[in-house]
Amino acid sequence: MRRQLRRTAIVVFATSLLLMGAARPAKTVPSKKWAATFCTSIGTWRDEVKAGATSLSSATGSSGSTPQALIGKMADYLAGVTKSTHKAGATITRAGTPDSKQGKQAAAAVVKGFKKAEGNIRTLTKDLDRMQSEAPAQLLTDLAPYKDGSNVQTALQPISDGLQQASTKYDNDGKLGRAMSSVAACKALNG
Protein backbone atom coordinates (compact mmCIF):
# COMPACT_ATOMS: atom_id res chain seq x y z
CA MET A 1 0.00 0.00 0.00
CA ARG A 2 2.75 2.40 0.99
CA ARG A 3 4.73 1.53 -2.13
CA GLN A 4 1.71 2.18 -4.36
CA LEU A 5 1.09 5.53 -2.65
CA ARG A 6 4.73 6.48 -3.21
CA ARG A 7 4.52 5.52 -6.92
CA THR A 8 1.32 7.53 -7.30
CA ALA A 9 2.97 10.54 -5.64
CA ILE A 10 5.97 10.25 -7.96
CA VAL A 11 3.72 10.02 -11.03
CA VAL A 12 1.69 13.05 -9.90
CA PHE A 13 4.87 15.02 -9.19
CA ALA A 14 6.43 14.09 -12.54
CA THR A 15 3.22 14.93 -14.38
CA SER A 16 3.00 18.31 -12.68
CA LEU A 17 6.61 19.06 -13.64
CA LEU A 18 5.85 18.18 -17.25
CA LEU A 19 2.74 20.35 -17.25
CA MET A 20 4.58 23.28 -15.72
CA GLY A 21 7.30 22.90 -18.32
CA ALA A 22 4.73 22.86 -21.12
CA ALA A 23 3.37 26.21 -19.96
CA ARG A 24 6.79 27.84 -20.01
CA PRO A 25 7.98 29.68 -23.06
CA ALA A 26 10.64 28.17 -25.27
CA LYS A 27 14.27 28.63 -24.38
CA THR A 28 16.23 31.79 -25.05
CA VAL A 29 16.27 32.66 -28.74
CA PRO A 30 18.18 35.27 -30.75
CA SER A 31 16.54 38.68 -30.39
CA LYS A 32 16.11 39.01 -34.14
CA LYS A 33 14.21 35.71 -34.32
CA TRP A 34 12.04 36.71 -31.36
CA ALA A 35 11.37 40.12 -32.94
CA ALA A 36 10.26 38.50 -36.21
CA THR A 37 7.75 36.25 -34.44
CA PHE A 38 6.63 39.08 -32.16
CA CYS A 39 6.09 41.63 -34.94
CA THR A 40 4.38 39.13 -37.25
CA SER A 41 2.03 38.21 -34.41
CA ILE A 42 1.32 41.86 -33.56
CA GLY A 43 0.68 42.67 -37.22
CA THR A 44 -1.75 39.78 -37.63
CA TRP A 45 -3.52 40.72 -34.39
CA ARG A 46 -3.79 44.38 -35.43
CA ASP A 47 -5.15 43.47 -38.87
CA GLU A 48 -7.75 41.10 -37.41
CA VAL A 49 -8.93 43.64 -34.84
CA LYS A 50 -9.13 46.41 -37.48
CA ALA A 51 -11.01 44.18 -39.95
CA GLY A 52 -13.48 43.23 -37.24
CA ALA A 53 -13.97 46.88 -36.28
CA THR A 54 -14.57 47.85 -39.91
CA SER A 55 -17.08 45.05 -40.29
CA LEU A 56 -18.78 46.01 -37.04
CA SER A 57 -18.93 49.66 -38.06
CA SER A 58 -20.61 48.73 -41.34
CA ALA A 59 -23.05 46.40 -39.61
CA THR A 60 -24.02 48.86 -36.88
CA GLY A 61 -24.15 51.91 -39.12
CA SER A 62 -27.64 51.19 -40.37
CA SER A 63 -30.31 53.04 -38.46
CA GLY A 64 -32.68 50.06 -38.67
CA SER A 65 -30.68 47.91 -36.23
CA THR A 66 -32.40 47.08 -32.98
CA PRO A 67 -30.40 47.31 -29.75
CA GLN A 68 -30.54 43.52 -29.43
CA ALA A 69 -29.16 43.14 -32.97
CA LEU A 70 -26.38 45.57 -32.08
CA ILE A 71 -25.56 43.53 -28.99
CA GLY A 72 -25.29 40.39 -31.12
CA LYS A 73 -22.99 42.07 -33.64
CA MET A 74 -20.83 43.57 -30.93
CA ALA A 75 -20.64 40.25 -29.09
CA ASP A 76 -19.44 38.62 -32.32
CA TYR A 77 -16.81 41.33 -32.73
CA LEU A 78 -15.62 40.97 -29.13
CA ALA A 79 -15.42 37.19 -29.56
CA GLY A 80 -13.12 37.77 -32.54
CA VAL A 81 -11.00 40.27 -30.60
CA THR A 82 -10.74 37.82 -27.70
CA LYS A 83 -9.65 35.02 -30.02
CA SER A 84 -7.09 37.21 -31.83
CA THR A 85 -5.72 38.61 -28.58
CA HIS A 86 -5.37 35.15 -27.07
CA LYS A 87 -3.70 33.80 -30.22
CA ALA A 88 -1.19 36.69 -30.33
CA GLY A 89 -0.33 36.33 -26.65
CA ALA A 90 0.14 32.57 -27.01
CA THR A 91 2.32 32.99 -30.09
CA ILE A 92 4.50 35.55 -28.33
CA THR A 93 4.78 33.23 -25.31
CA ARG A 94 5.86 30.34 -27.52
CA ALA A 95 8.41 32.59 -29.25
CA GLY A 96 10.53 32.22 -26.13
CA THR A 97 12.76 34.74 -24.46
CA PRO A 98 14.87 37.15 -26.49
CA ASP A 99 18.57 36.91 -25.69
CA SER A 100 18.87 40.55 -24.66
CA LYS A 101 20.00 41.54 -21.18
CA GLN A 102 16.43 41.83 -19.84
CA GLY A 103 14.72 39.79 -22.54
CA LYS A 104 12.84 37.67 -20.03
CA GLN A 105 11.29 40.74 -18.42
CA ALA A 106 10.51 42.35 -21.80
CA ALA A 107 8.74 39.24 -23.08
CA ALA A 108 6.86 38.87 -19.79
CA ALA A 109 5.66 42.50 -19.92
CA VAL A 110 4.29 42.02 -23.44
CA VAL A 111 2.57 38.73 -22.61
CA LYS A 112 1.12 40.22 -19.42
CA GLY A 113 -0.37 43.05 -21.46
CA PHE A 114 -2.05 40.63 -23.85
CA LYS A 115 -3.44 38.52 -21.00
CA LYS A 116 -4.81 41.59 -19.22
CA ALA A 117 -6.40 42.88 -22.43
CA GLU A 118 -7.96 39.49 -23.11
CA GLY A 119 -9.51 39.54 -19.63
CA ASN A 120 -10.79 43.07 -20.20
CA ILE A 121 -12.46 42.06 -23.47
CA ARG A 122 -14.07 39.08 -21.75
CA THR A 123 -15.46 41.48 -19.14
CA LEU A 124 -16.93 43.68 -21.89
CA THR A 125 -18.57 40.60 -23.38
CA LYS A 126 -20.14 39.75 -20.01
CA ASP A 127 -21.38 43.35 -19.74
CA LEU A 128 -23.05 42.99 -23.14
CA ASP A 129 -24.80 39.85 -21.95
CA ARG A 130 -26.05 41.70 -18.88
CA MET A 131 -27.39 44.57 -21.00
CA GLN A 132 -29.82 42.37 -22.88
CA SER A 133 -32.29 42.62 -20.00
CA GLU A 134 -32.17 46.43 -19.78
CA ALA A 135 -34.92 48.82 -20.78
CA PRO A 136 -34.45 50.11 -24.37
CA ALA A 137 -33.57 53.68 -23.36
CA GLN A 138 -30.93 52.54 -20.88
CA LEU A 139 -29.64 50.00 -23.35
CA LEU A 140 -29.00 52.65 -25.99
CA THR A 141 -27.08 54.75 -23.46
CA ASP A 142 -25.00 51.77 -22.31
CA LEU A 143 -24.25 50.74 -25.89
CA ALA A 144 -22.73 54.11 -26.84
CA PRO A 145 -19.15 53.27 -25.75
CA TYR A 146 -19.40 50.00 -27.69
CA LYS A 147 -20.54 51.75 -30.84
CA ASP A 148 -17.82 54.40 -30.75
CA GLY A 149 -15.18 51.85 -29.73
CA SER A 150 -13.96 53.75 -26.69
CA ASN A 151 -14.42 50.89 -24.26
CA VAL A 152 -12.67 48.42 -26.56
CA GLN A 153 -9.78 50.83 -26.96
CA THR A 154 -9.55 51.17 -23.18
CA ALA A 155 -9.75 47.38 -22.76
CA LEU A 156 -6.82 46.91 -25.15
CA GLN A 157 -4.66 49.57 -23.46
CA PRO A 158 -2.67 47.01 -21.42
CA ILE A 159 -1.13 45.79 -24.69
CA SER A 160 0.26 49.25 -25.40
CA ASP A 161 1.39 49.52 -21.79
CA GLY A 162 3.21 46.18 -22.00
CA LEU A 163 4.89 47.15 -25.26
CA GLN A 164 5.92 50.51 -23.81
CA GLN A 165 7.31 48.87 -20.69
CA ALA A 166 9.23 46.31 -22.74
CA SER A 167 10.84 48.98 -24.89
CA THR A 168 11.59 51.64 -22.28
CA LYS A 169 12.22 49.65 -19.12
CA TYR A 170 13.57 46.32 -20.37
CA ASP A 171 15.65 47.19 -23.42
CA ASN A 172 18.48 48.95 -21.64
CA ASP A 173 21.10 47.41 -23.90
CA GLY A 174 19.10 48.36 -27.03
CA LYS A 175 19.42 44.85 -28.44
CA LEU A 176 15.66 44.36 -28.91
CA GLY A 177 15.28 47.75 -30.53
CA ARG A 178 18.08 47.02 -32.96
CA ALA A 179 16.63 43.59 -33.72
CA MET A 180 13.21 45.07 -34.39
CA SER A 181 14.56 47.79 -36.64
CA SER A 182 16.20 45.14 -38.80
CA VAL A 183 13.15 42.85 -39.19
CA ALA A 184 10.78 43.44 -42.11
CA ALA A 185 7.67 42.50 -40.10
CA CYS A 186 8.56 45.14 -37.51
CA LYS A 187 9.25 47.78 -40.16
CA ALA A 188 5.83 47.01 -41.68
CA LEU A 189 4.16 47.82 -38.35
CA ASN A 190 5.54 51.32 -38.44
CA GLY A 191 4.85 51.88 -42.13
Foldseek 3Di string as FASTA:
>chain_A
DVVVVVVVVVVVVVVVVVVVVVQFADAEDALLLLLQQLLVLVVVLVVQLVVLLVVLLVVPVDPPDALVNNLVSLLVSLVSNLVSLVVSLVSSRNSYFHPAPQRVLLSVLQSVLSVQLSVQSVVVNVVSVVLVPDDRVVSVVVCVCSNVVVSNVVSNVSNVVSNVCSVPPVCVVCSNVVSLVPHPSSVVVVD
